[in-house]
Amino acid sequence: MIQRPEGVGAFEFVVLARLRALQLLRGCLPKVELGHSIAMTALLELANGSIVRAPAVAAIPEPADSKPADSL
C-alpha cells in the first residue's frame, strides 16, 4: 500500500498522480526505479517526495485605471 505524504489530501494525491502519469506517457523520465506501470510509477514518485506540487499562483490584479469591459 502506498502512503500519501502528510498534508496532501486523497483527492489531490490522485489528481497529482494523474498529471504525473500523463507527463510520463509523453516521455518524461521517471524519478524512481523502472519496472512498474506508469500509474504506479507516478504514485511512487509522489509518495516518496520525488515530485512536489507547485505553489498556487495568485491572480494578477487589473490596473486601477482600466475600465470594465461592459462600459465604453
Protein backbone atom coordinates (compact mmCIF):
# COMPACT_ATOMS: atom_id res chain seq x y z
CA MET A 1 0.00 0.00 0.00
CA ILE A 2 1.29 3.44 -0.90
CA GLN A 3 1.12 6.08 1.81
CA ARG A 4 0.42 9.58 0.61
CA PRO A 5 2.56 12.37 2.00
CA GLU A 6 1.39 14.24 5.06
CA GLY A 7 -0.54 17.37 4.15
CA VAL A 8 -1.76 16.01 0.81
CA GLY A 9 -5.43 15.07 0.64
CA ALA A 10 -6.61 11.92 -1.08
CA PHE A 11 -8.24 13.78 -3.96
CA GLU A 12 -5.18 15.96 -4.50
CA PHE A 13 -2.94 12.88 -4.41
CA VAL A 14 -4.96 11.19 -7.15
CA VAL A 15 -5.07 14.32 -9.30
CA LEU A 16 -1.32 14.90 -8.97
CA ALA A 17 -0.63 11.24 -9.78
CA ARG A 18 -2.79 11.51 -12.90
CA LEU A 19 -0.97 14.63 -14.06
CA ARG A 20 2.40 12.97 -13.46
CA ALA A 21 1.29 9.80 -15.28
CA LEU A 22 0.38 11.93 -18.30
CA GLN A 23 3.84 13.50 -18.19
CA LEU A 24 5.40 10.04 -18.10
CA LEU A 25 3.28 8.95 -21.06
CA ARG A 26 4.60 11.94 -23.03
CA GLY A 27 8.17 10.87 -22.39
CA CYS A 28 9.32 12.49 -19.14
CA LEU A 29 11.95 10.47 -17.33
CA PRO A 30 10.81 8.67 -14.18
CA LYS A 31 12.44 9.63 -10.88
CA VAL A 32 12.12 6.16 -9.33
CA GLU A 33 13.35 2.73 -10.41
CA LEU A 34 11.85 1.29 -13.55
CA GLY A 35 9.77 -1.87 -13.73
CA HIS A 36 6.40 -0.51 -12.66
CA SER A 37 3.41 0.59 -14.68
CA ILE A 38 3.13 4.29 -15.46
CA ALA A 39 0.37 4.74 -12.90
CA MET A 40 2.35 3.01 -10.16
CA THR A 41 5.48 4.98 -11.05
CA ALA A 42 3.55 8.24 -10.69
CA LEU A 43 2.16 7.17 -7.31
CA LEU A 44 5.59 6.09 -6.06
CA GLU A 45 7.16 9.37 -7.14
CA LEU A 46 4.54 11.33 -5.23
CA ALA A 47 4.70 9.11 -2.17
CA ASN A 48 8.47 9.34 -1.74
CA GLY A 49 8.63 13.09 -2.40
CA SER A 50 10.35 12.98 -5.79
CA ILE A 51 7.51 15.08 -7.18
CA VAL A 52 6.07 18.04 -5.30
CA ARG A 53 3.17 20.29 -6.12
CA ALA A 54 3.83 23.79 -7.35
CA PRO A 55 2.65 26.63 -5.14
CA ALA A 56 -0.59 28.28 -6.17
CA VAL A 57 -0.17 31.33 -8.35
CA ALA A 58 -2.04 34.41 -7.16
CA ALA A 59 -4.31 36.11 -9.67
CA ILE A 60 -2.80 39.19 -11.26
CA PRO A 61 -4.94 42.22 -10.36
CA GLU A 62 -6.11 44.53 -13.13
CA PRO A 63 -4.64 48.01 -13.24
CA ALA A 64 -6.71 50.61 -11.37
CA ASP A 65 -7.14 52.85 -14.43
CA SER A 66 -8.69 50.14 -16.65
CA LYS A 67 -12.39 50.34 -17.46
CA PRO A 68 -14.80 47.43 -17.02
CA ALA A 69 -15.45 45.53 -20.25
CA ASP A 70 -19.17 46.38 -20.34
CA SER A 71 -18.75 50.19 -20.26
CA LEU A 72 -17.44 52.09 -23.26
